[in-house]
PDB file of N, CA and C in Angstrom:
ATOM      1  N   MET A   1     -76.046  -4.641 -42.631  1.00  0.00           N
ATOM      2  CA  MET A   1     -75.049  -3.180 -43.094  1.00  0.00           C
ATOM      3  C   MET A   1     -74.164  -3.565 -42.252  1.00  0.00           C
ATOM      4  N   ALA A   2     -71.941  -3.561 -43.224  1.00  0.00           N
ATOM      5  CA  ALA A   2     -71.164  -4.268 -42.067  1.00  0.00           C
ATOM      6  C   ALA A   2     -70.556  -2.779 -41.279  1.00  0.00           C
ATOM      7  N   LYS A   3     -70.244  -3.405 -40.165  1.00  0.00           N
ATOM      8  CA  LYS A   3     -69.302  -2.651 -39.655  1.00  0.00           C
ATOM      9  C   LYS A   3     -68.040  -1.661 -40.206  1.00  0.00           C
ATOM     10  N   GLU A   4     -67.521  -2.160 -42.079  1.00  0.00           N
ATOM     11  CA  GLU A   4     -67.170  -1.902 -42.313  1.00  0.00           C
ATOM     12  C   GLU A   4     -67.076  -0.853 -42.731  1.00  0.00           C
ATOM     13  N   ASN A   5     -68.225  -0.916 -43.369  1.00  0.00           N
ATOM     14  CA  ASN A   5     -68.926   0.646 -44.334  1.00  0.00           C
ATOM     15  C   ASN A   5     -68.891   2.407 -43.082  1.00  0.00           C
ATOM     16  N   ILE A   6     -68.179   3.524 -44.323  1.00  0.00           N
ATOM     17  CA  ILE A   6     -68.410   5.025 -43.892  1.00  0.00           C
ATOM     18  C   ILE A   6     -69.297   5.378 -44.543  1.00  0.00           C
ATOM     19  N   TYR A   7     -70.374   6.045 -43.669  1.00  0.00           N
ATOM     20  CA  TYR A   7     -71.534   7.141 -43.561  1.00  0.00           C
ATOM     21  C   TYR A   7     -71.126   8.466 -43.296  1.00  0.00           C
ATOM     22  N   ARG A   8     -71.796   9.333 -44.679  1.00  0.00           N
ATOM     23  CA  ARG A   8     -71.730  10.974 -43.697  1.00  0.00           C
ATOM     24  C   ARG A   8     -72.321  11.212 -44.347  1.00  0.00           C
ATOM     25  N   LYS A   9     -72.633  12.613 -43.597  1.00  0.00           N
ATOM     26  CA  LYS A   9     -74.119  13.561 -43.151  1.00  0.00           C
ATOM     27  C   LYS A   9     -74.349  14.091 -45.001  1.00  0.00           C
ATOM     28  N   LYS A  10     -75.575  14.129 -45.505  1.00  0.00           N
ATOM     29  CA  LYS A  10     -75.713  15.126 -46.382  1.00  0.00           C
ATOM     30  C   LYS A  10     -75.369  15.934 -46.647  1.00  0.00           C
ATOM     31  N   ASP A  11     -75.071  16.942 -47.361  1.00  0.00           N
ATOM     32  CA  ASP A  11     -75.051  18.603 -47.453  1.00  0.00           C
ATOM     33  C   ASP A  11     -75.689  19.378 -47.274  1.00  0.00           C
ATOM     34  N   GLU A  12     -77.387  17.915 -47.531  1.00  0.00           N
ATOM     35  CA  GLU A  12     -78.594  19.084 -47.714  1.00  0.00           C
ATOM     36  C   GLU A  12     -79.063  19.313 -45.716  1.00  0.00           C
ATOM     37  N   ILE A  13     -78.981  19.018 -45.204  1.00  0.00           N
ATOM     38  CA  ILE A  13     -78.838  18.797 -43.379  1.00  0.00           C
ATOM     39  C   ILE A  13     -77.828  18.999 -42.748  1.00  0.00           C
ATOM     40  N   VAL A  14     -78.116  20.541 -41.731  1.00  0.00           N
ATOM     41  CA  VAL A  14     -77.938  21.171 -41.568  1.00  0.00           C
ATOM     42  C   VAL A  14     -78.395  20.596 -39.731  1.00  0.00           C
ATOM     43  N   ALA A  15     -77.081  20.556 -39.168  1.00  0.00           N
ATOM     44  CA  ALA A  15     -77.424  20.465 -37.541  1.00  0.00           C
ATOM     45  C   ALA A  15     -77.243  21.411 -36.690  1.00  0.00           C
ATOM     46  N   ARG A  16     -77.539  22.283 -35.459  1.00  0.00           N
ATOM     47  CA  ARG A  16     -77.571  22.693 -34.945  1.00  0.00           C
ATOM     48  C   ARG A  16     -78.306  22.909 -33.561  1.00  0.00           C
ATOM     49  N   LYS A  17     -76.939  23.121 -32.333  1.00  0.00           N
ATOM     50  CA  LYS A  17     -77.605  22.945 -30.878  1.00  0.00           C
ATOM     51  C   LYS A  17     -78.320  24.318 -30.376  1.00  0.00           C
ATOM     52  N   ILE A  18     -79.149  23.524 -29.413  1.00  0.00           N
ATOM     53  CA  ILE A  18     -80.104  24.796 -29.203  1.00  0.00           C
ATOM     54  C   ILE A  18     -80.149  24.625 -27.694  1.00  0.00           C
ATOM     55  N   ALA A  19     -79.996  25.246 -26.586  1.00  0.00           N
ATOM     56  CA  ALA A  19     -79.510  24.452 -25.526  1.00  0.00           C
ATOM     57  C   ALA A  19     -79.083  23.294 -25.752  1.00  0.00           C
ATOM     58  N   ASP A  20     -79.795  22.714 -24.458  1.00  0.00           N
ATOM     59  CA  ASP A  20     -78.682  21.237 -24.584  1.00  0.00           C
ATOM     60  C   ASP A  20     -80.178  20.009 -25.242  1.00  0.00           C
ATOM     61  N   GLU A  21     -80.588  20.273 -26.805  1.00  0.00           N
ATOM     62  CA  GLU A  21     -80.652  19.030 -27.699  1.00  0.00           C
ATOM     63  C   GLU A  21     -80.014  19.619 -29.187  1.00  0.00           C
ATOM     64  N   THR A  22     -79.793  18.966 -29.874  1.00  0.00           N
ATOM     65  CA  THR A  22     -79.243  18.990 -31.104  1.00  0.00           C
ATOM     66  C   THR A  22     -80.486  18.655 -32.190  1.00  0.00           C
ATOM     67  N   ILE A  23     -80.637  19.387 -33.050  1.00  0.00           N
ATOM     68  CA  ILE A  23     -81.908  19.624 -34.418  1.00  0.00           C
ATOM     69  C   ILE A  23     -81.183  19.353 -34.998  1.00  0.00           C
ATOM     70  N   LEU A  24     -81.610  18.758 -36.218  1.00  0.00           N
ATOM     71  CA  LEU A  24     -81.349  18.383 -38.334  1.00  0.00           C
ATOM     72  C   LEU A  24     -82.101  19.476 -38.631  1.00  0.00           C
ATOM     73  N   VAL A  25     -81.988  19.659 -39.495  1.00  0.00           N
ATOM     74  CA  VAL A  25     -82.675  20.432 -40.940  1.00  0.00           C
ATOM     75  C   VAL A  25     -82.389  20.310 -41.952  1.00  0.00           C
ATOM     76  N   PRO A  26     -83.179  19.379 -42.900  1.00  0.00           N
ATOM     77  CA  PRO A  26     -83.152  19.871 -43.922  1.00  0.00           C
ATOM     78  C   PRO A  26     -83.343  21.162 -44.921  1.00  0.00           C
ATOM     79  N   ILE A  27     -82.109  21.700 -45.672  1.00  0.00           N
ATOM     80  CA  ILE A  27     -82.055  22.371 -45.703  1.00  0.00           C
ATOM     81  C   ILE A  27     -82.447  23.749 -47.424  1.00  0.00           C
ATOM     82  N   ARG A  28     -81.953  22.412 -48.097  1.00  0.00           N
ATOM     83  CA  ARG A  28     -82.517  21.436 -49.823  1.00  0.00           C
ATOM     84  C   ARG A  28     -83.295  21.076 -50.135  1.00  0.00           C
ATOM     85  N   GLY A  29     -84.388  20.617 -51.146  1.00  0.00           N
ATOM     86  CA  GLY A  29     -84.932  19.797 -51.353  1.00  0.00           C
ATOM     87  C   GLY A  29     -86.622  19.993 -50.968  1.00  0.00           C
ATOM     88  N   LYS A  30     -87.376  19.514 -51.823  1.00  0.00           N
ATOM     89  CA  LYS A  30     -89.356  19.382 -51.934  1.00  0.00           C
ATOM     90  C   LYS A  30     -89.035  20.488 -50.526  1.00  0.00           C
ATOM     91  N   LEU A  31     -90.416  21.649 -50.215  1.00  0.00           N
ATOM     92  CA  LEU A  31     -90.847  21.838 -49.736  1.00  0.00           C
ATOM     93  C   LEU A  31     -90.381  20.660 -48.254  1.00  0.00           C
ATOM     94  N   ALA A  32     -91.702  20.376 -49.064  1.00  0.00           N
ATOM     95  CA  ALA A  32     -92.341  19.094 -47.677  1.00  0.00           C
ATOM     96  C   ALA A  32     -90.964  17.976 -46.856  1.00  0.00           C
ATOM     97  N   ASP A  33     -89.160  17.994 -47.904  1.00  0.00           N
ATOM     98  CA  ASP A  33     -88.356  18.029 -46.760  1.00  0.00           C
ATOM     99  C   ASP A  33     -87.684  18.915 -46.048  1.00  0.00           C
ATOM    100  N   MET A  34     -88.377  19.990 -46.457  1.00  0.00           N
ATOM    101  CA  MET A  34     -87.340  21.037 -45.566  1.00  0.00           C
ATOM    102  C   MET A  34     -88.336  21.422 -44.418  1.00  0.00           C
ATOM    103  N   GLN A  35     -89.809  21.050 -44.533  1.00  0.00           N
ATOM    104  CA  GLN A  35     -90.900  21.070 -42.606  1.00  0.00           C
ATOM    105  C   GLN A  35     -90.488  19.354 -42.232  1.00  0.00           C
ATOM    106  N   ARG A  36     -89.210  19.283 -42.250  1.00  0.00           N
ATOM    107  CA  ARG A  36     -88.797  17.644 -41.572  1.00  0.00           C
ATOM    108  C   ARG A  36     -87.978  18.554 -40.777  1.00  0.00           C
ATOM    109  N   ILE A  37     -88.082  18.527 -39.082  1.00  0.00           N
ATOM    110  CA  ILE A  37     -86.844  18.733 -38.692  1.00  0.00           C
ATOM    111  C   ILE A  37     -87.106  17.260 -37.221  1.00  0.00           C
ATOM    112  N   PHE A  38     -85.738  17.251 -36.629  1.00  0.00           N
ATOM    113  CA  PHE A  38     -84.855  15.875 -36.336  1.00  0.00           C
ATOM    114  C   PHE A  38     -84.531  16.584 -35.326  1.00  0.00           C
ATOM    115  N   SER A  39     -84.600  15.736 -33.593  1.00  0.00           N
ATOM    116  CA  SER A  39     -84.320  15.930 -32.421  1.00  0.00           C
ATOM    117  C   SER A  39     -83.460  14.809 -32.815  1.00  0.00           C
ATOM    118  N   LEU A  40     -81.867  15.162 -31.592  1.00  0.00           N
ATOM    119  CA  LEU A  40     -81.200  13.992 -31.947  1.00  0.00           C
ATOM    120  C   LEU A  40     -80.309  13.725 -29.694  1.00  0.00           C
ATOM    121  N   ASN A  41     -81.052  12.741 -29.674  1.00  0.00           N
ATOM    122  CA  ASN A  41     -80.978  12.373 -28.124  1.00  0.00           C
ATOM    123  C   ASN A  41     -79.412  12.663 -27.779  1.00  0.00           C
ATOM    124  N   PRO A  42     -78.364  12.427 -26.772  1.00  0.00           N
ATOM    125  CA  PRO A  42     -77.180  12.963 -26.870  1.00  0.00           C
ATOM    126  C   PRO A  42     -76.951  11.136 -27.211  1.00  0.00           C
ATOM    127  N   VAL A  43     -76.683   9.881 -27.665  1.00  0.00           N
ATOM    128  CA  VAL A  43     -75.956   9.280 -28.029  1.00  0.00           C
ATOM    129  C   VAL A  43     -76.484   9.691 -29.401  1.00  0.00           C
ATOM    130  N   ALA A  44     -77.541   9.623 -29.820  1.00  0.00           N
ATOM    131  CA  ALA A  44     -77.411  10.154 -31.761  1.00  0.00           C
ATOM    132  C   ALA A  44     -76.436  11.298 -31.365  1.00  0.00           C
ATOM    133  N   ASP A  45     -77.394  12.510 -31.098  1.00  0.00           N
ATOM    134  CA  ASP A  45     -75.919  13.645 -31.821  1.00  0.00           C
ATOM    135  C   ASP A  45     -74.609  12.959 -31.697  1.00  0.00           C
ATOM    136  N   PHE A  46     -73.715  12.111 -30.285  1.00  0.00           N
ATOM    137  CA  PHE A  46     -72.703  11.339 -30.253  1.00  0.00           C
ATOM    138  C   PHE A  46     -72.044  11.209 -32.089  1.00  0.00           C
ATOM    139  N   ILE A  47     -73.564   9.850 -32.679  1.00  0.00           N
ATOM    140  CA  ILE A  47     -73.062   9.330 -33.500  1.00  0.00           C
ATOM    141  C   ILE A  47     -72.999  10.367 -34.460  1.00  0.00           C
ATOM    142  N   TRP A  48     -74.084  11.574 -34.700  1.00  0.00           N
ATOM    143  CA  TRP A  48     -73.820  12.237 -35.477  1.00  0.00           C
ATOM    144  C   TRP A  48     -72.004  12.068 -36.332  1.00  0.00           C
ATOM    145  N   THR A  49     -71.601  13.153 -34.718  1.00  0.00           N
ATOM    146  CA  THR A  49     -71.092  13.936 -34.790  1.00  0.00           C
ATOM    147  C   THR A  49     -69.936  12.969 -35.398  1.00  0.00           C
ATOM    148  N   GLN A  50     -70.229  11.925 -35.117  1.00  0.00           N
ATOM    149  CA  GLN A  50     -68.926  10.518 -35.902  1.00  0.00           C
ATOM    150  C   GLN A  50     -69.591  11.156 -37.186  1.00  0.00           C
ATOM    151  N   LEU A  51     -70.366  10.254 -37.565  1.00  0.00           N
ATOM    152  CA  LEU A  51     -70.244  10.649 -39.572  1.00  0.00           C
ATOM    153  C   LEU A  51     -69.888  11.775 -40.049  1.00  0.00           C
ATOM    154  N   GLU A  52     -69.964  12.760 -39.058  1.00  0.00           N
ATOM    155  CA  GLU A  52     -69.952  13.848 -39.975  1.00  0.00           C
ATOM    156  C   GLU A  52     -68.122  13.703 -40.063  1.00  0.00           C
ATOM    157  N   LYS A  53     -67.061  12.830 -39.614  1.00  0.00           N
ATOM    158  CA  LYS A  53     -65.718  12.976 -40.276  1.00  0.00           C
ATOM    159  C   LYS A  53     -65.972  12.195 -40.505  1.00  0.00           C
ATOM    160  N   GLU A  54     -66.540  11.214 -41.088  1.00  0.00           N
ATOM    161  CA  GLU A  54     -66.680   9.914 -41.738  1.00  0.00           C
ATOM    162  C   GLU A  54     -66.190   8.624 -40.920  1.00  0.00           C
ATOM    163  N   THR A  55     -66.304   8.591 -39.237  1.00  0.00           N
ATOM    164  CA  THR A  55     -65.556   7.413 -39.752  1.00  0.00           C
ATOM    165  C   THR A  55     -66.068   6.110 -39.595  1.00  0.00           C
ATOM    166  N   PRO A  56     -65.675   5.117 -39.449  1.00  0.00           N
ATOM    167  CA  PRO A  56     -66.138   3.923 -40.044  1.00  0.00           C
ATOM    168  C   PRO A  56     -66.675   3.100 -39.390  1.00  0.00           C
ATOM    169  N   VAL A  57     -68.563   2.639 -39.104  1.00  0.00           N
ATOM    170  CA  VAL A  57     -69.347   2.258 -38.024  1.00  0.00           C
ATOM    171  C   VAL A  57     -68.428   1.605 -37.479  1.00  0.00           C
ATOM    172  N   GLU A  58     -67.413   0.504 -37.494  1.00  0.00           N
ATOM    173  CA  GLU A  58     -66.648  -0.303 -36.894  1.00  0.00           C
ATOM    174  C   GLU A  58     -65.754   0.495 -35.056  1.00  0.00           C
ATOM    175  N   LYS A  59     -65.562   1.883 -35.882  1.00  0.00           N
ATOM    176  CA  LYS A  59     -64.633   2.872 -35.212  1.00  0.00           C
ATOM    177  C   LYS A  59     -65.794   3.991 -34.351  1.00  0.00           C
ATOM    178  N   ILE A  60     -66.712   4.348 -34.915  1.00  0.00           N
ATOM    179  CA  ILE A  60     -67.513   4.618 -34.507  1.00  0.00           C
ATOM    180  C   ILE A  60     -68.795   3.995 -32.861  1.00  0.00           C
ATOM    181  N   LEU A  61     -68.881   2.274 -32.778  1.00  0.00           N
ATOM    182  CA  LEU A  61     -69.387   1.190 -32.033  1.00  0.00           C
ATOM    183  C   LEU A  61     -68.120   1.697 -30.845  1.00  0.00           C
ATOM    184  N   SER A  62     -66.823   1.396 -31.419  1.00  0.00           N
ATOM    185  CA  SER A  62     -66.043   1.087 -30.273  1.00  0.00           C
ATOM    186  C   SER A  62     -65.137   2.303 -29.537  1.00  0.00           C
ATOM    187  N   LEU A  63     -66.054   3.605 -30.344  1.00  0.00           N
ATOM    188  CA  LEU A  63     -66.085   4.984 -29.327  1.00  0.00           C
ATOM    189  C   LEU A  63     -67.450   4.820 -28.366  1.00  0.00           C
ATOM    190  N   MET A  64     -67.950   4.107 -28.354  1.00  0.00           N
ATOM    191  CA  MET A  64     -69.422   4.358 -28.152  1.00  0.00           C
ATOM    192  C   MET A  64     -69.269   3.934 -26.921  1.00  0.00           C
ATOM    193  N   ILE A  65     -68.480   2.193 -27.355  1.00  0.00           N
ATOM    194  CA  ILE A  65     -68.915   2.035 -26.045  1.00  0.00           C
ATOM    195  C   ILE A  65     -67.477   2.357 -24.879  1.00  0.00           C
ATOM    196  N   ASP A  66     -67.160   3.078 -25.082  1.00  0.00           N
ATOM    197  CA  ASP A  66     -65.652   4.185 -24.317  1.00  0.00           C
ATOM    198  C   ASP A  66     -66.702   5.156 -23.455  1.00  0.00           C
ATOM    199  N   GLU A  67     -66.733   6.144 -24.286  1.00  0.00           N
ATOM    200  CA  GLU A  67     -67.959   6.818 -24.069  1.00  0.00           C
ATOM    201  C   GLU A  67     -69.225   6.720 -22.823  1.00  0.00           C
ATOM    202  N   PHE A  68     -70.263   5.792 -23.532  1.00  0.00           N
ATOM    203  CA  PHE A  68     -70.994   5.788 -22.772  1.00  0.00           C
ATOM    204  C   PHE A  68     -71.545   4.256 -21.718  1.00  0.00           C
ATOM    205  N   ASP A  69     -69.950   3.255 -21.816  1.00  0.00           N
ATOM    206  CA  ASP A  69     -70.057   2.462 -20.681  1.00  0.00           C
ATOM    207  C   ASP A  69     -71.011   1.515 -21.221  1.00  0.00           C
ATOM    208  N   VAL A  70     -71.273   1.303 -21.891  1.00  0.00           N
ATOM    209  CA  VAL A  70     -71.697   0.239 -22.676  1.00  0.00           C
ATOM    210  C   VAL A  70     -71.691  -1.063 -22.542  1.00  0.00           C
ATOM    211  N   GLU A  71     -72.285  -2.054 -22.752  1.00  0.00           N
ATOM    212  CA  GLU A  71     -72.195  -3.077 -23.313  1.00  0.00           C
ATOM    213  C   GLU A  71     -71.752  -3.292 -25.042  1.00  0.00           C
ATOM    214  N   GLU A  72     -70.843  -4.329 -25.594  1.00  0.00           N
ATOM    215  CA  GLU A  72     -70.600  -3.712 -26.987  1.00  0.00           C
ATOM    216  C   GLU A  72     -71.732  -4.495 -28.099  1.00  0.00           C
ATOM    217  N   LYS A  73     -72.710  -4.921 -27.630  1.00  0.00           N
ATOM    218  CA  LYS A  73     -74.179  -6.046 -28.185  1.00  0.00           C
ATOM    219  C   LYS A  73     -75.267  -5.208 -28.283  1.00  0.00           C
ATOM    220  N   LYS A  74     -75.551  -3.998 -26.935  1.00  0.00           N
ATOM    221  CA  LYS A  74     -76.272  -3.384 -27.253  1.00  0.00           C
ATOM    222  C   LYS A  74     -76.508  -1.816 -28.334  1.00  0.00           C
ATOM    223  N   ALA A  75     -74.766  -1.465 -27.709  1.00  0.00           N
ATOM    224  CA  ALA A  75     -74.351  -0.136 -28.017  1.00  0.00           C
ATOM    225  C   ALA A  75     -74.720  -0.992 -29.626  1.00  0.00           C
ATOM    226  N   GLU A  76     -73.618  -1.687 -30.280  1.00  0.00           N
ATOM    227  CA  GLU A  76     -74.048  -2.246 -31.695  1.00  0.00           C
ATOM    228  C   GLU A  76     -75.626  -1.670 -32.091  1.00  0.00           C
ATOM    229  N   GLU A  77     -76.140  -3.092 -31.673  1.00  0.00           N
ATOM    230  CA  GLU A  77     -77.639  -2.403 -31.541  1.00  0.00           C
ATOM    231  C   GLU A  77     -78.290  -1.385 -32.281  1.00  0.00           C
ATOM    232  N   ASP A  78     -77.803  -0.209 -30.842  1.00  0.00           N
ATOM    233  CA  ASP A  78     -78.292   1.091 -30.768  1.00  0.00           C
ATOM    234  C   ASP A  78     -78.038   2.002 -32.631  1.00  0.00           C
ATOM    235  N   LEU A  79     -76.470   1.751 -32.757  1.00  0.00           N
ATOM    236  CA  LEU A  79     -75.790   1.789 -33.342  1.00  0.00           C
ATOM    237  C   LEU A  79     -76.640   1.542 -34.894  1.00  0.00           C
ATOM    238  N   LEU A  80     -76.521   0.847 -35.235  1.00  0.00           N
ATOM    239  CA  LEU A  80     -76.653   0.069 -36.842  1.00  0.00           C
ATOM    240  C   LEU A  80     -78.600   1.011 -37.162  1.00  0.00           C
ATOM    241  N   GLU A  81     -78.697   0.176 -35.606  1.00  0.00           N
ATOM    242  CA  GLU A  81     -80.314   0.942 -36.042  1.00  0.00           C
ATOM    243  C   GLU A  81     -80.953   2.292 -36.201  1.00  0.00           C
ATOM    244  N   LEU A  82     -79.892   2.903 -35.123  1.00  0.00           N
ATOM    245  CA  LEU A  82     -79.676   4.560 -35.834  1.00  0.00           C
ATOM    246  C   LEU A  82     -79.042   4.825 -37.879  1.00  0.00           C
ATOM    247  N   ILE A  83     -78.010   3.813 -37.926  1.00  0.00           N
ATOM    248  CA  ILE A  83     -77.181   4.807 -38.767  1.00  0.00           C
ATOM    249  C   ILE A  83     -79.185   4.031 -40.483  1.00  0.00           C
ATOM    250  N   ASP A  84     -79.160   3.123 -40.042  1.00  0.00           N
ATOM    251  CA  ASP A  84     -81.046   2.457 -40.321  1.00  0.00           C
ATOM    252  C   ASP A  84     -81.633   3.248 -40.228  1.00  0.00           C
ATOM    253  N   ASP A  85     -81.636   3.970 -40.032  1.00  0.00           N
ATOM    254  CA  ASP A  85     -82.832   5.163 -39.703  1.00  0.00           C
ATOM    255  C   ASP A  85     -83.083   6.254 -40.011  1.00  0.00           C
ATOM    256  N   PHE A  86     -80.744   6.910 -40.436  1.00  0.00           N
ATOM    257  CA  PHE A  86     -81.077   8.504 -40.708  1.00  0.00           C
ATOM    258  C   PHE A  86     -80.816   7.770 -42.499  1.00  0.00           C
ATOM    259  N   LEU A  87     -80.505   6.728 -42.963  1.00  0.00           N
ATOM    260  CA  LEU A  87     -80.459   6.784 -44.102  1.00  0.00           C
ATOM    261  C   LEU A  87     -81.681   6.260 -44.276  1.00  0.00           C
ATOM    262  N   THR A  88     -82.859   5.806 -43.242  1.00  0.00           N
ATOM    263  CA  THR A  88     -84.489   6.105 -44.413  1.00  0.00           C
ATOM    264  C   THR A  88     -84.918   7.166 -44.634  1.00  0.00           C
ATOM    265  N   GLU A  89     -84.151   7.958 -43.578  1.00  0.00           N
ATOM    266  CA  GLU A  89     -84.913   9.781 -43.745  1.00  0.00           C
ATOM    267  C   GLU A  89     -84.110  10.595 -44.588  1.00  0.00           C
ATOM    268  N   ASN A  90     -82.961  10.351 -45.467  1.00  0.00           N
ATOM    269  CA  ASN A  90     -82.154  10.557 -46.727  1.00  0.00           C
ATOM    270  C   ASN A  90     -81.516  11.074 -46.114  1.00  0.00           C
ATOM    271  N   LEU A  91     -81.024  11.508 -44.232  1.00  0.00           N
ATOM    272  CA  LEU A  91     -80.139  12.206 -43.337  1.00  0.00           C
ATOM    273  C   LEU A  91     -78.679  11.912 -43.874  1.00  0.00           C
ATOM    274  N   ILE A  92     -78.008  10.741 -44.448  1.00  0.00           N
ATOM    275  CA  ILE A  92     -76.782  10.777 -44.458  1.00  0.00           C
ATOM    276  C   ILE A  92     -76.825   9.266 -45.897  1.00  0.00           C
ATOM    277  N   GLU A  93     -75.572   9.918 -46.237  1.00  0.00           N
ATOM    278  CA  GLU A  93     -75.031   8.960 -47.170  1.00  0.00           C
ATOM    279  C   GLU A  93     -74.197   7.727 -47.442  1.00  0.00           C
ATOM    280  N   LYS A  94     -73.701   5.980 -48.332  1.00  0.00           N
ATOM    281  CA  LYS A  94     -72.738   5.831 -48.403  1.00  0.00           C
ATOM    282  C   LYS A  94     -71.646   6.132 -48.532  1.00  0.00           C
ATOM    283  N   VAL A  95     -70.448   6.218 -47.747  1.00  0.00           N
ATOM    284  CA  VAL A  95     -69.274   7.158 -48.404  1.00  0.00           C
ATOM    285  C   VAL A  95     -68.642   5.546 -49.568  1.00  0.00           C
ATOM    286  N   ALA A  96     -68.476   4.097 -47.975  1.00  0.00           N
ATOM    287  CA  ALA A  96     -67.468   3.140 -48.394  1.00  0.00           C
ATOM    288  C   ALA A  96     -67.934   1.705 -48.155  1.00  0.00           C
TER     289      ALA A  96
END
């Protein structure tokens, strides 16, 4: 996965804040898919927000480093792993 890539959330996924937690819920598709709910921690929520804006992965990485005061290597590993998880769960799609 290249850092120049751009991803976006799929239209079938709705994000809702409940208390201090962000929940992702599929709203269309197979019934089995609609029974899955995903809970995001603060870092994953930050990344999800950037993906909603179709921010390039490289820019998300830079924003993460600034926002969470984390070293670049760790931030990159976490970011790429989460994007891979989102892709595997069919929550996002590649734009460019």
